[in-house]
Structures are given as C-alpha cells and as structure tokens.
Amino acid sequence: MATTMTFASLTTDLQNYLERGTANDTLVFNQIPEIINFGERRCARELKVLGYVVAATFVLQANLAVYPKPDRWRETVSMNVSNTPTGTAVRQPMFPRSYEYIRLYWPDDTQVSLPKFYADYNYQNWIFAPTPDAAYPAEVLYYEQPALLGPTNQQNWLTQYAPRLLLYACMIEMQLFLKKDASAAQALYDREAGVLNGEDVDKILDRSTTRQKD
C-alpha cells in the first residue's frame, strides 16, 4: 500500500534513523521539528524547480513606485504588465535591473509612465520604473519558500513530490546537530537534488532562453 509523507511520519522516520531509545533522547527528539524546518529551508534555498514557482497577480497603482513582495518570496523569476489600465490589452515583459539602474533611469519618482523595469528595493519590496501613471494589472512568477511543516501543516510540495530529498536534507541537519559527519547524508541529498534539477531542466524556460543539460 502506497504511503505519503507527512510531518508526523517524517518525525517518526527521523526517530527511527537515530536508532536510539526514546527515554534517553528527549533533547534530540524535541529538536526534530526545528530540524525538519531547517531541512525544508535548505531545499528551498538550494533548488530551483517548478514546484517552488508561484504565479501571482497584483495591480500597479498610479504614482506609487515601491511595492511589497509576497509572503515567503525567495527570488523573482519574471514579471509582466498589461500595456493598458483595463488589463485586456497585450501583456509585455518588465525587465529586471539593479536598484542603481532604476534610480539612474528614472531619478524623479513624481514623473509617471508605463513601467518597464523592476528591481529589488530591499528583501521585502520591489521598486518599479517608470513610476506608474495608472493602475496596471501585473503578474509575477517567483520562487517561494513553502509553508513550513508542523503539527497543523502536515504536508507541502516537498512531502508530496520530493519526500526523499526532504528526508536526506533533514538527515544532514540531524547529523550537524549531533556534531557527526554528515557526508553520507549529503551525498544522498546531492544525488536526489541532481535528479530533480535534471527533470526540470527540460521543462523550465529561464525565461527568454531554453535551459540545456550540461
């Protein structure tokens, strides 16, 4: 019978991999929820796969150049904007630039037009140039840190589509916590990550050129 990984089952798996008696491992076992979250963050930081890509729509407001990024944003993939405020016209790409480029290209925020460029203003916000002259519908694709697992959130993309990767990532974090050699777990993790990246390399556009296998 097929089984599906959950936060609870992963917790049990990690306890079993330790091969220790529960009575003597309270300190270690109490650390497992945090170890799982560290493993999830490792996966999200090191992998660029379709499972982490989220599409979101928003509206650029007139006379406003700085906008908050979505919760759990990690990295922007691409953006596009409607070339008319109604949103029914053809969408066109907005191009990523550095913050310094934005300020050089559009030094006066009070001047407005259809936005063409965006940049990271800081970790929580983007800045656009030109400053919008109307309310333009826009769309962003970005890599997200999925909601972390816990007692009230038993599953996410990793548990459903990459359970072995998550298990190996957690084993690395467990070995680091125990101050032991994590090289064996790292090798398993690297191999699984390579498989996932290899599967996605045929599917992802990056984004104006097709990615090829090395």
N, C-alpha and C. Protein backbone atom coordinates (compact mmCIF):
# COMPACT_ATOMS: atom_id res chain seq x y z
N MET A 1 0.85 -1.20 0.00
CA MET A 1 0.00 0.00 0.00
C MET A 1 0.88 1.25 0.00
N ALA A 2 0.59 2.14 -0.91
CA ALA A 2 1.38 3.37 -1.01
C ALA A 2 1.20 4.24 0.22
N THR A 3 2.27 4.90 0.63
CA THR A 3 2.21 5.81 1.76
C THR A 3 2.64 7.20 1.33
N THR A 4 2.17 8.20 2.03
CA THR A 4 2.51 9.58 1.75
C THR A 4 3.19 10.19 2.96
N MET A 5 4.29 10.89 2.73
CA MET A 5 5.00 11.52 3.84
C MET A 5 4.17 12.64 4.43
N THR A 6 4.17 12.74 5.74
CA THR A 6 3.57 13.84 6.48
C THR A 6 4.59 14.33 7.50
N PHE A 7 4.28 15.43 8.15
CA PHE A 7 5.14 15.91 9.23
C PHE A 7 5.27 14.84 10.31
N ALA A 8 4.16 14.19 10.63
CA ALA A 8 4.18 13.16 11.68
C ALA A 8 5.02 11.96 11.26
N SER A 9 4.84 11.49 10.02
CA SER A 9 5.59 10.32 9.57
C SER A 9 7.07 10.64 9.44
N LEU A 10 7.40 11.86 9.00
CA LEU A 10 8.81 12.25 8.90
C LEU A 10 9.45 12.31 10.28
N THR A 11 8.72 12.82 11.24
CA THR A 11 9.22 12.85 12.62
C THR A 11 9.54 11.44 13.11
N THR A 12 8.64 10.50 12.84
CA THR A 12 8.87 9.11 13.24
C THR A 12 10.05 8.51 12.49
N ASP A 13 10.16 8.79 11.19
CA ASP A 13 11.27 8.27 10.40
C ASP A 13 12.61 8.74 10.97
N LEU A 14 12.69 10.02 11.31
CA LEU A 14 13.94 10.54 11.83
C LEU A 14 14.27 9.92 13.18
N GLN A 15 13.26 9.67 14.00
CA GLN A 15 13.50 8.98 15.27
C GLN A 15 14.03 7.57 15.03
N ASN A 16 13.46 6.89 14.03
CA ASN A 16 13.90 5.53 13.73
C ASN A 16 15.32 5.51 13.17
N TYR A 17 15.65 6.49 12.34
CA TYR A 17 17.00 6.54 11.79
C TYR A 17 18.05 6.76 12.88
N LEU A 18 17.65 7.41 13.96
CA LEU A 18 18.59 7.64 15.06
C LEU A 18 18.95 6.34 15.78
N GLU A 19 18.01 5.39 15.78
CA GLU A 19 18.21 4.10 16.43
C GLU A 19 18.61 4.28 17.89
N ARG A 20 17.85 5.09 18.58
CA ARG A 20 18.10 5.34 19.99
C ARG A 20 16.82 5.15 20.78
N GLY A 21 16.96 4.84 22.04
CA GLY A 21 15.79 4.71 22.91
C GLY A 21 15.18 6.06 23.22
N THR A 22 13.88 6.12 23.17
CA THR A 22 13.21 7.40 23.39
C THR A 22 13.47 7.97 24.77
N ALA A 23 13.66 7.12 25.75
CA ALA A 23 13.82 7.60 27.12
C ALA A 23 15.10 8.42 27.29
N ASN A 24 16.12 8.13 26.46
CA ASN A 24 17.40 8.80 26.61
C ASN A 24 17.62 9.91 25.59
N ASP A 25 16.63 10.16 24.75
CA ASP A 25 16.83 11.10 23.66
C ASP A 25 15.83 12.24 23.65
N THR A 26 15.36 12.63 24.79
CA THR A 26 14.36 13.70 24.84
C THR A 26 14.89 14.98 24.20
N LEU A 27 16.14 15.33 24.50
CA LEU A 27 16.71 16.56 23.96
C LEU A 27 16.75 16.51 22.43
N VAL A 28 17.20 15.38 21.88
CA VAL A 28 17.30 15.26 20.43
C VAL A 28 15.92 15.22 19.80
N PHE A 29 15.02 14.42 20.36
CA PHE A 29 13.69 14.29 19.77
C PHE A 29 12.91 15.60 19.82
N ASN A 30 13.11 16.37 20.87
CA ASN A 30 12.44 17.67 20.95
C ASN A 30 12.94 18.64 19.90
N GLN A 31 14.13 18.37 19.36
CA GLN A 31 14.72 19.24 18.34
C GLN A 31 14.23 18.90 16.94
N ILE A 32 13.59 17.75 16.76
CA ILE A 32 13.24 17.28 15.43
C ILE A 32 12.35 18.25 14.66
N PRO A 33 11.31 18.87 15.23
CA PRO A 33 10.52 19.83 14.44
C PRO A 33 11.37 20.95 13.85
N GLU A 34 12.32 21.45 14.62
CA GLU A 34 13.18 22.51 14.09
C GLU A 34 14.13 21.96 13.04
N ILE A 35 14.61 20.74 13.23
CA ILE A 35 15.47 20.10 12.24
C ILE A 35 14.73 19.94 10.91
N ILE A 36 13.47 19.55 10.97
CA ILE A 36 12.66 19.42 9.75
C ILE A 36 12.53 20.76 9.05
N ASN A 37 12.27 21.81 9.81
CA ASN A 37 12.16 23.14 9.21
C ASN A 37 13.48 23.60 8.60
N PHE A 38 14.60 23.29 9.26
CA PHE A 38 15.91 23.61 8.68
C PHE A 38 16.10 22.86 7.36
N GLY A 39 15.68 21.59 7.32
CA GLY A 39 15.78 20.82 6.09
C GLY A 39 14.95 21.41 4.96
N GLU A 40 13.74 21.85 5.30
CA GLU A 40 12.88 22.49 4.29
C GLU A 40 13.53 23.75 3.74
N ARG A 41 14.10 24.55 4.62
CA ARG A 41 14.73 25.79 4.18
C ARG A 41 15.96 25.51 3.32
N ARG A 42 16.69 24.46 3.65
CA ARG A 42 17.83 24.07 2.83
C ARG A 42 17.37 23.75 1.41
N CYS A 43 16.31 22.96 1.28
CA CYS A 43 15.80 22.58 -0.04
C CYS A 43 15.36 23.80 -0.83
N ALA A 44 14.62 24.69 -0.18
CA ALA A 44 14.11 25.88 -0.87
C ALA A 44 15.24 26.80 -1.29
N ARG A 45 16.30 26.85 -0.49
CA ARG A 45 17.42 27.73 -0.81
C ARG A 45 18.27 27.20 -1.95
N GLU A 46 18.40 25.88 -2.05
CA GLU A 46 19.36 25.29 -2.97
C GLU A 46 18.76 24.77 -4.27
N LEU A 47 17.44 24.61 -4.32
CA LEU A 47 16.81 24.08 -5.53
C LEU A 47 16.04 25.17 -6.26
N LYS A 48 16.10 25.12 -7.58
CA LYS A 48 15.29 25.98 -8.43
C LYS A 48 14.46 25.08 -9.33
N VAL A 49 13.33 24.61 -8.82
CA VAL A 49 12.48 23.67 -9.55
C VAL A 49 11.07 24.23 -9.66
N LEU A 50 10.31 23.68 -10.59
CA LEU A 50 8.96 24.19 -10.85
C LEU A 50 8.05 24.12 -9.63
N GLY A 51 8.31 23.14 -8.77
CA GLY A 51 7.47 23.02 -7.58
C GLY A 51 7.51 24.21 -6.66
N TYR A 52 8.56 25.01 -6.78
CA TYR A 52 8.69 26.20 -5.94
C TYR A 52 8.20 27.47 -6.63
N VAL A 53 7.80 27.36 -7.90
CA VAL A 53 7.39 28.55 -8.64
C VAL A 53 5.92 28.86 -8.38
N VAL A 54 5.64 30.10 -8.04
CA VAL A 54 4.28 30.58 -7.79
C VAL A 54 3.98 31.73 -8.74
N ALA A 55 2.77 31.74 -9.29
CA ALA A 55 2.31 32.86 -10.12
C ALA A 55 1.31 33.69 -9.32
N ALA A 56 1.51 34.97 -9.30
CA ALA A 56 0.62 35.86 -8.54
C ALA A 56 0.32 37.10 -9.37
N THR A 57 -0.89 37.60 -9.24
CA THR A 57 -1.28 38.83 -9.91
C THR A 57 -1.42 39.95 -8.89
N PHE A 58 -1.17 41.16 -9.34
CA PHE A 58 -1.34 42.33 -8.49
C PHE A 58 -1.56 43.53 -9.40
N VAL A 59 -1.81 44.68 -8.83
CA VAL A 59 -2.08 45.88 -9.61
C VAL A 59 -1.09 46.96 -9.22
N LEU A 60 -0.40 47.48 -10.23
CA LEU A 60 0.47 48.63 -10.02
C LEU A 60 -0.39 49.89 -9.92
N GLN A 61 -0.26 50.61 -8.84
CA GLN A 61 -1.09 51.78 -8.59
C GLN A 61 -0.44 53.05 -9.13
N ALA A 62 -1.27 53.97 -9.57
CA ALA A 62 -0.76 55.25 -10.08
C ALA A 62 0.03 55.98 -9.00
N ASN A 63 1.18 56.52 -9.40
CA ASN A 63 2.03 57.37 -8.56
C ASN A 63 2.70 56.62 -7.41
N LEU A 64 2.77 55.29 -7.49
CA LEU A 64 3.41 54.50 -6.44
C LEU A 64 4.50 53.63 -7.07
N ALA A 65 5.74 53.82 -6.63
CA ALA A 65 6.87 53.12 -7.25
C ALA A 65 7.32 51.89 -6.49
N VAL A 66 7.06 51.79 -5.18
CA VAL A 66 7.57 50.70 -4.34
C VAL A 66 6.41 49.81 -3.90
N TYR A 67 6.59 48.47 -4.02
CA TYR A 67 5.53 47.52 -3.72
C TYR A 67 6.06 46.36 -2.88
N PRO A 68 5.26 45.85 -1.95
CA PRO A 68 5.71 44.73 -1.12
C PRO A 68 5.74 43.42 -1.92
N LYS A 69 6.71 42.59 -1.60
CA LYS A 69 6.79 41.26 -2.20
C LYS A 69 5.83 40.31 -1.48
N PRO A 70 5.44 39.21 -2.12
CA PRO A 70 4.55 38.25 -1.46
C PRO A 70 5.23 37.60 -0.25
N ASP A 71 4.41 37.10 0.66
CA ASP A 71 4.94 36.35 1.79
C ASP A 71 5.73 35.14 1.29
N ARG A 72 6.81 34.83 1.94
CA ARG A 72 7.66 33.68 1.66
C ARG A 72 8.36 33.77 0.29
N TRP A 73 8.41 34.99 -0.28
CA TRP A 73 9.17 35.21 -1.51
C TRP A 73 10.64 34.89 -1.27
N ARG A 74 11.28 34.23 -2.27
CA ARG A 74 12.70 33.97 -2.18
C ARG A 74 13.48 34.59 -3.35
N GLU A 75 12.91 34.51 -4.57
CA GLU A 75 13.61 35.04 -5.74
C GLU A 75 12.60 35.27 -6.86
N THR A 76 12.72 36.38 -7.55
CA THR A 76 11.83 36.69 -8.66
C THR A 76 12.29 35.96 -9.92
N VAL A 77 11.34 35.37 -10.65
CA VAL A 77 11.62 34.71 -11.92
C VAL A 77 11.38 35.69 -13.07
N SER A 78 10.18 36.26 -13.13
CA SER A 78 9.86 37.21 -14.19
C SER A 78 8.62 38.01 -13.82
N MET A 79 8.41 39.10 -14.55
CA MET A 79 7.20 39.92 -14.37
C MET A 79 6.71 40.38 -15.74
N ASN A 80 5.39 40.60 -15.80
CA ASN A 80 4.82 41.23 -16.98
C ASN A 80 3.72 42.18 -16.55
N VAL A 81 3.35 43.10 -17.45
CA VAL A 81 2.36 44.11 -17.15
C VAL A 81 1.47 44.33 -18.37
N SER A 82 0.20 44.60 -18.15
CA SER A 82 -0.69 44.98 -19.24
C SER A 82 -0.32 46.38 -19.72
N ASN A 83 -0.33 46.57 -21.02
CA ASN A 83 0.07 47.89 -21.52
C ASN A 83 -1.07 48.90 -21.53
N THR A 84 -2.22 48.52 -20.98
CA THR A 84 -3.31 49.48 -20.75
C THR A 84 -3.90 49.21 -19.37
N PRO A 85 -4.45 50.23 -18.74
CA PRO A 85 -5.01 50.04 -17.39
C PRO A 85 -6.17 49.05 -17.32
N THR A 86 -6.85 48.77 -18.43
CA THR A 86 -8.01 47.87 -18.38
C THR A 86 -7.61 46.43 -18.16
N GLY A 87 -6.40 46.06 -18.51
CA GLY A 87 -5.95 44.69 -18.37
C GLY A 87 -6.35 43.79 -19.51
N THR A 88 -7.05 44.31 -20.52
CA THR A 88 -7.49 43.50 -21.65
C THR A 88 -6.52 43.55 -22.81
N ALA A 89 -5.53 44.43 -22.75
CA ALA A 89 -4.58 44.56 -23.85
C ALA A 89 -3.45 43.55 -23.70
N VAL A 90 -2.55 43.57 -24.63
CA VAL A 90 -1.44 42.62 -24.64
C VAL A 90 -0.51 42.90 -23.46
N ARG A 91 -0.10 41.80 -22.80
CA ARG A 91 0.88 41.93 -21.73
C ARG A 91 2.28 42.03 -22.32
N GLN A 92 3.14 42.76 -21.65
CA GLN A 92 4.52 42.89 -22.08
C GLN A 92 5.44 42.68 -20.89
N PRO A 93 6.65 42.15 -21.14
CA PRO A 93 7.54 41.87 -20.01
C PRO A 93 8.08 43.14 -19.38
N MET A 94 8.33 43.06 -18.08
CA MET A 94 9.11 44.06 -17.38
C MET A 94 10.48 43.44 -17.12
N PHE A 95 11.52 44.22 -17.25
CA PHE A 95 12.87 43.69 -17.23
C PHE A 95 13.56 43.96 -15.90
N PRO A 96 14.27 42.96 -15.36
CA PRO A 96 14.97 43.17 -14.08
C PRO A 96 16.20 44.05 -14.26
N ARG A 97 16.40 44.93 -13.32
CA ARG A 97 17.58 45.80 -13.32
C ARG A 97 18.06 45.99 -11.87
N SER A 98 19.21 46.54 -11.71
CA SER A 98 19.71 46.85 -10.38
C SER A 98 19.00 48.10 -9.84
N TYR A 99 19.03 48.26 -8.53
CA TYR A 99 18.43 49.45 -7.91
C TYR A 99 19.10 50.72 -8.45
N GLU A 100 20.41 50.66 -8.62
CA GLU A 100 21.15 51.83 -9.11
C GLU A 100 20.71 52.20 -10.52
N TYR A 101 20.47 51.17 -11.36
CA TYR A 101 20.00 51.44 -12.71
C TYR A 101 18.64 52.14 -12.67
N ILE A 102 17.74 51.65 -11.81
CA ILE A 102 16.40 52.25 -11.69
C ILE A 102 16.51 53.73 -11.36
N ARG A 103 17.36 54.05 -10.38
CA ARG A 103 17.49 55.45 -9.96
C ARG A 103 18.14 56.31 -11.05
N LEU A 104 19.04 55.73 -11.79
CA LEU A 104 19.68 56.49 -12.88
C LEU A 104 18.71 56.69 -14.03
N TYR A 105 17.93 55.64 -14.36
CA TYR A 105 16.99 55.71 -15.47
C TYR A 105 15.81 56.62 -15.14
N TRP A 106 15.32 56.57 -13.89
CA TRP A 106 14.12 57.32 -13.52
C TRP A 106 14.36 58.00 -12.17
N PRO A 107 15.13 59.07 -12.15
CA PRO A 107 15.52 59.70 -10.88
C PRO A 107 14.40 60.44 -10.17
N ASP A 108 13.35 60.80 -10.88
CA ASP A 108 12.26 61.58 -10.28
C ASP A 108 11.01 60.69 -10.17
N ASP A 109 10.69 60.24 -8.95
CA ASP A 109 9.54 59.36 -8.74
C ASP A 109 8.22 60.02 -9.10
N THR A 110 8.19 61.33 -9.13
CA THR A 110 6.92 62.01 -9.40
C THR A 110 6.57 62.01 -10.89
N GLN A 111 7.54 61.70 -11.74
CA GLN A 111 7.26 61.57 -13.17
C GLN A 111 6.70 60.17 -13.43
N VAL A 112 5.65 60.07 -14.25
CA VAL A 112 4.95 58.80 -14.39
C VAL A 112 4.82 58.37 -15.85
N SER A 113 4.71 57.03 -16.02
CA SER A 113 4.52 56.44 -17.34
C SER A 113 4.24 54.95 -17.14
N LEU A 114 4.19 54.17 -18.22
CA LEU A 114 4.03 52.73 -18.13
C LEU A 114 5.33 52.10 -17.62
N PRO A 115 5.30 51.32 -16.55
CA PRO A 115 6.54 50.72 -16.03
C PRO A 115 7.19 49.76 -17.03
N LYS A 116 8.51 49.81 -17.07
CA LYS A 116 9.30 48.94 -17.95
C LYS A 116 10.28 48.07 -17.18
N PHE A 117 10.74 48.53 -16.01
CA PHE A 117 11.78 47.85 -15.26
C PHE A 117 11.38 47.67 -13.80
N TYR A 118 12.02 46.68 -13.17
CA TYR A 118 11.84 46.50 -11.73
C TYR A 118 13.17 46.09 -11.11
N ALA A 119 13.29 46.30 -9.80
CA ALA A 119 14.50 45.92 -9.08
C ALA A 119 14.13 45.59 -7.63
N ASP A 120 15.02 44.88 -6.95
CA ASP A 120 14.84 44.66 -5.52
C ASP A 120 15.15 45.97 -4.80
N TYR A 121 14.15 46.50 -4.11
CA TYR A 121 14.36 47.70 -3.29
C TYR A 121 15.03 47.30 -1.98
N ASN A 122 14.55 46.21 -1.42
CA ASN A 122 15.18 45.51 -0.31
C ASN A 122 14.60 44.10 -0.31
N TYR A 123 14.79 43.32 0.76
CA TYR A 123 14.30 41.94 0.75
C TYR A 123 12.78 41.89 0.74
N GLN A 124 12.11 42.92 1.26
CA GLN A 124 10.65 42.89 1.37
C GLN A 124 9.92 43.62 0.25
N ASN A 125 10.63 44.39 -0.58
CA ASN A 125 9.95 45.25 -1.55
C ASN A 125 10.65 45.28 -2.90
N TRP A 126 9.83 45.57 -3.95
CA TRP A 126 10.34 45.89 -5.27
C TRP A 126 10.18 47.39 -5.53
N ILE A 127 10.96 47.89 -6.48
CA ILE A 127 10.77 49.24 -6.98
C ILE A 127 10.63 49.17 -8.50
N PHE A 128 9.74 50.00 -9.06
CA PHE A 128 9.45 49.97 -10.49
C PHE A 128 9.79 51.31 -11.13
N ALA A 129 10.17 51.24 -12.40
CA ALA A 129 10.43 52.46 -13.16
C ALA A 129 9.98 52.24 -14.61
N PRO A 130 9.36 53.24 -15.20
CA PRO A 130 8.87 54.48 -14.59
C PRO A 130 7.83 54.23 -13.49
N THR A 131 7.63 55.22 -12.65
CA THR A 131 6.52 55.18 -11.70
C THR A 131 5.21 55.09 -12.48
N PRO A 132 4.31 54.17 -12.12
CA PRO A 132 3.08 54.00 -12.91
C PRO A 132 2.25 55.28 -12.99
N ASP A 133 1.67 55.51 -14.17
CA ASP A 133 0.79 56.66 -14.35
C ASP A 133 -0.68 56.27 -14.23
N ALA A 134 -0.95 54.97 -14.02
CA ALA A 134 -2.33 54.47 -13.89
C ALA A 134 -2.26 53.12 -13.19
N ALA A 135 -3.43 52.53 -12.96
CA ALA A 135 -3.50 51.21 -12.32
C ALA A 135 -3.35 50.13 -13.39
N TYR A 136 -2.18 49.51 -13.45
CA TYR A 136 -1.89 48.50 -14.47
C TYR A 136 -1.90 47.10 -13.84
N PRO A 137 -2.71 46.18 -14.37
CA PRO A 137 -2.62 44.78 -13.91
C PRO A 137 -1.25 44.19 -14.24
N ALA A 138 -0.68 43.48 -13.30
CA ALA A 138 0.65 42.88 -13.48
C ALA A 138 0.65 41.46 -12.95
N GLU A 139 1.65 40.70 -13.39
CA GLU A 139 1.79 39.31 -12.96
C GLU A 139 3.26 39.04 -12.65
N VAL A 140 3.52 38.27 -11.60
CA VAL A 140 4.88 37.92 -11.23
C VAL A 140 4.98 36.42 -11.03
N LEU A 141 6.07 35.83 -11.51
CA LEU A 141 6.44 34.46 -11.18
C LEU A 141 7.63 34.54 -10.23
N TYR A 142 7.58 33.79 -9.15
CA TYR A 142 8.67 33.85 -8.18
C TYR A 142 8.84 32.50 -7.48
N TYR A 143 10.05 32.28 -6.97
CA TYR A 143 10.32 31.11 -6.15
C TYR A 143 9.88 31.40 -4.72
N GLU A 144 9.13 30.45 -4.16
CA GLU A 144 8.56 30.64 -2.83
C GLU A 144 9.15 29.63 -1.85
N GLN A 145 9.29 30.07 -0.61
CA GLN A 145 9.52 29.13 0.49
C GLN A 145 8.16 28.59 0.90
N PRO A 146 7.86 27.30 0.62
CA PRO A 146 6.54 26.77 1.01
C PRO A 146 6.30 26.91 2.51
N ALA A 147 5.05 26.94 2.88
CA ALA A 147 4.70 26.99 4.29
C ALA A 147 5.36 25.84 5.02
N LEU A 148 6.05 26.13 6.12
CA LEU A 148 6.81 25.12 6.83
C LEU A 148 5.90 24.09 7.48
N LEU A 149 6.40 22.87 7.54
CA LEU A 149 5.64 21.77 8.14
C LEU A 149 5.56 21.93 9.65
N GLY A 150 4.51 21.36 10.21
CA GLY A 150 4.30 21.36 11.65
C GLY A 150 3.06 20.56 11.98
N PRO A 151 2.70 20.49 13.24
CA PRO A 151 1.52 19.70 13.63
C PRO A 151 0.24 20.11 12.93
N THR A 152 0.10 21.39 12.59
CA THR A 152 -1.12 21.86 11.92
C THR A 152 -0.94 22.01 10.41
N ASN A 153 0.24 21.70 9.89
CA ASN A 153 0.50 21.74 8.45
C ASN A 153 1.30 20.49 8.09
N GLN A 154 0.59 19.40 7.85
CA GLN A 154 1.21 18.09 7.75
C GLN A 154 1.90 17.84 6.40
N GLN A 155 1.50 18.55 5.35
CA GLN A 155 2.05 18.29 4.04
C GLN A 155 2.32 19.59 3.28
N ASN A 156 3.30 19.53 2.38
CA ASN A 156 3.53 20.60 1.42
C ASN A 156 4.13 19.98 0.15
N TRP A 157 4.65 20.81 -0.74
CA TRP A 157 5.14 20.28 -2.02
C TRP A 157 6.24 19.24 -1.82
N LEU A 158 7.13 19.47 -0.87
CA LEU A 158 8.23 18.54 -0.64
C LEU A 158 7.74 17.16 -0.20
N THR A 159 6.79 17.12 0.72
CA THR A 159 6.31 15.82 1.19
C THR A 159 5.56 15.08 0.10
N GLN A 160 4.94 15.81 -0.81
CA GLN A 160 4.14 15.18 -1.86
C GLN A 160 4.97 14.75 -3.07
N TYR A 161 5.97 15.57 -3.43
CA TYR A 161 6.69 15.33 -4.68
C TYR A 161 8.18 15.03 -4.51
N ALA A 162 8.76 15.36 -3.38
CA ALA A 162 10.19 15.13 -3.17
C ALA A 162 10.47 14.66 -1.74
N PRO A 163 9.79 13.59 -1.29
CA PRO A 163 9.95 13.17 0.10
C PRO A 163 11.36 12.70 0.44
N ARG A 164 12.01 12.01 -0.51
CA ARG A 164 13.37 11.55 -0.21
C ARG A 164 14.34 12.72 -0.06
N LEU A 165 14.18 13.72 -0.91
CA LEU A 165 15.03 14.90 -0.80
C LEU A 165 14.88 15.54 0.58
N LEU A 166 13.64 15.68 1.03
CA LEU A 166 13.40 16.28 2.34
C LEU A 166 13.98 15.41 3.45
N LEU A 167 13.81 14.11 3.34
CA LEU A 167 14.36 13.20 4.35
C LEU A 167 15.87 13.35 4.43
N TYR A 168 16.55 13.37 3.28
CA TYR A 168 18.01 13.49 3.28
C TYR A 168 18.45 14.85 3.81
N ALA A 169 17.71 15.90 3.47
CA ALA A 169 18.04 17.22 3.99
C ALA A 169 17.94 17.24 5.51
N CYS A 170 16.90 16.60 6.04
CA CYS A 170 16.73 16.54 7.49
C CYS A 170 17.81 15.69 8.15
N MET A 171 18.24 14.64 7.45
CA MET A 171 19.32 13.80 7.99
C MET A 171 20.62 14.59 8.09
N ILE A 172 20.87 15.46 7.10
CA ILE A 172 22.05 16.33 7.17
C ILE A 172 21.96 17.22 8.41
N GLU A 173 20.81 17.86 8.58
CA GLU A 173 20.64 18.77 9.71
C GLU A 173 20.73 18.01 11.04
N MET A 174 20.24 16.77 11.08
CA MET A 174 20.32 15.96 12.29
C MET A 174 21.77 15.65 12.63
N GLN A 175 22.55 15.26 11.61
CA GLN A 175 23.95 14.96 11.85
C GLN A 175 24.72 16.19 12.33
N LEU A 176 24.40 17.34 11.77
CA LEU A 176 25.04 18.57 12.21
C LEU A 176 24.69 18.88 13.66
N PHE A 177 23.44 18.64 14.03
CA PHE A 177 23.02 18.88 15.41
C PHE A 177 23.75 17.94 16.36
N LEU A 178 23.96 16.69 15.94
CA LEU A 178 24.64 15.70 16.78
C LEU A 178 26.15 15.82 16.71
N LYS A 179 26.64 16.79 15.89
CA LYS A 179 28.07 17.01 15.71
C LYS A 179 28.76 15.76 15.15
N LYS A 180 28.10 15.17 14.14
CA LYS A 180 28.64 13.99 13.47
C LYS A 180 28.88 14.28 12.00
N ASP A 181 29.58 13.37 11.34
CA ASP A 181 29.89 13.51 9.93
C ASP A 181 28.60 13.39 9.10
N ALA A 182 28.30 14.41 8.32
CA ALA A 182 27.08 14.42 7.51
C ALA A 182 27.35 14.11 6.04
N SER A 183 28.56 13.61 5.72
CA SER A 183 28.92 13.44 4.32
C SER A 183 28.07 12.40 3.61
N ALA A 184 27.71 11.30 4.30
CA ALA A 184 26.88 10.27 3.66
C ALA A 184 25.51 10.82 3.32
N ALA A 185 24.89 11.53 4.27
CA ALA A 185 23.59 12.14 4.02
C ALA A 185 23.68 13.21 2.94
N GLN A 186 24.80 13.95 2.94
CA GLN A 186 24.99 14.99 1.93
C GLN A 186 25.07 14.38 0.54
N ALA A 187 25.74 13.24 0.41
CA ALA A 187 25.85 12.59 -0.89
C ALA A 187 24.48 12.14 -1.39
N LEU A 188 23.66 11.59 -0.50
CA LEU A 188 22.30 11.18 -0.89
C LEU A 188 21.48 12.38 -1.30
N TYR A 189 21.59 13.46 -0.54
CA TYR A 189 20.86 14.68 -0.84
C TYR A 189 21.28 15.25 -2.19
N ASP A 190 22.59 15.32 -2.43
CA ASP A 190 23.10 15.87 -3.69
C ASP A 190 22.60 15.05 -4.89
N ARG A 191 22.59 13.74 -4.75
CA ARG A 191 22.13 12.89 -5.85
C ARG A 191 20.65 13.11 -6.14
N GLU A 192 19.84 13.17 -5.08
CA GLU A 192 18.41 13.38 -5.28
C GLU A 192 18.13 14.77 -5.84
N ALA A 193 18.86 15.78 -5.35
CA ALA A 193 18.69 17.14 -5.87
C ALA A 193 19.08 17.19 -7.34
N GLY A 194 20.13 16.47 -7.72
CA GLY A 194 20.54 16.44 -9.11
C GLY A 194 19.49 15.83 -10.01
N VAL A 195 18.82 14.79 -9.52
CA VAL A 195 17.73 14.16 -10.29
C VAL A 195 16.59 15.15 -10.50
N LEU A 196 16.20 15.84 -9.44
CA LEU A 196 15.10 16.80 -9.56
C LEU A 196 15.46 17.94 -10.50
N ASN A 197 16.66 18.47 -10.35
CA ASN A 197 17.09 19.54 -11.24
C ASN A 197 17.17 19.06 -12.68
N GLY A 198 17.60 17.81 -12.88
CA GLY A 198 17.68 17.26 -14.22
C GLY A 198 16.33 17.10 -14.87
N GLU A 199 15.33 16.71 -14.07
CA GLU A 199 13.97 16.59 -14.60
C GLU A 199 13.43 17.95 -15.02
N ASP A 200 13.73 18.97 -14.23
CA ASP A 200 13.19 20.29 -14.51
C ASP A 200 13.92 21.01 -15.63
N VAL A 201 15.16 20.61 -15.92
CA VAL A 201 15.93 21.35 -16.92
C VAL A 201 15.28 21.25 -18.30
N ASP A 202 14.49 20.21 -18.52
CA ASP A 202 13.79 20.07 -19.80
C ASP A 202 12.46 20.81 -19.82
N LYS A 203 12.05 21.34 -18.68
CA LYS A 203 10.72 21.95 -18.58
C LYS A 203 10.76 23.45 -18.37
N ILE A 204 11.80 23.94 -17.70
CA ILE A 204 11.82 25.35 -17.31
C ILE A 204 12.44 26.20 -18.42
N LEU A 205 11.82 27.33 -18.70
CA LEU A 205 12.44 28.35 -19.53
C LEU A 205 13.04 29.39 -18.62
N ASP A 206 14.18 29.91 -18.95
CA ASP A 206 14.94 30.67 -17.97
C ASP A 206 15.22 32.12 -18.41
N ARG A 207 14.21 32.98 -18.66
CA ARG A 207 12.89 32.66 -19.13
C ARG A 207 12.79 33.00 -20.60
N SER A 208 13.77 33.69 -21.11
CA SER A 208 13.78 34.03 -22.54
C SER A 208 14.66 33.08 -23.34
N THR A 209 15.42 32.22 -22.65
CA THR A 209 16.24 31.23 -23.32
C THR A 209 15.97 29.87 -22.72
N THR A 210 16.06 28.81 -23.54
CA THR A 210 15.81 27.47 -23.06
C THR A 210 17.04 26.93 -22.35
N ARG A 211 16.84 26.38 -21.14
CA ARG A 211 17.95 25.77 -20.43
C ARG A 211 18.28 24.43 -21.06
N GLN A 212 19.56 24.10 -21.14
CA GLN A 212 20.03 22.86 -21.71
C GLN A 212 20.78 22.07 -20.65
N LYS A 213 20.77 20.75 -20.81
CA LYS A 213 21.56 19.92 -19.90
C LYS A 213 23.04 20.16 -20.14
N ASP A 214 23.81 20.15 -19.03
CA ASP A 214 25.26 20.33 -19.15
C ASP A 214 25.89 19.06 -19.73
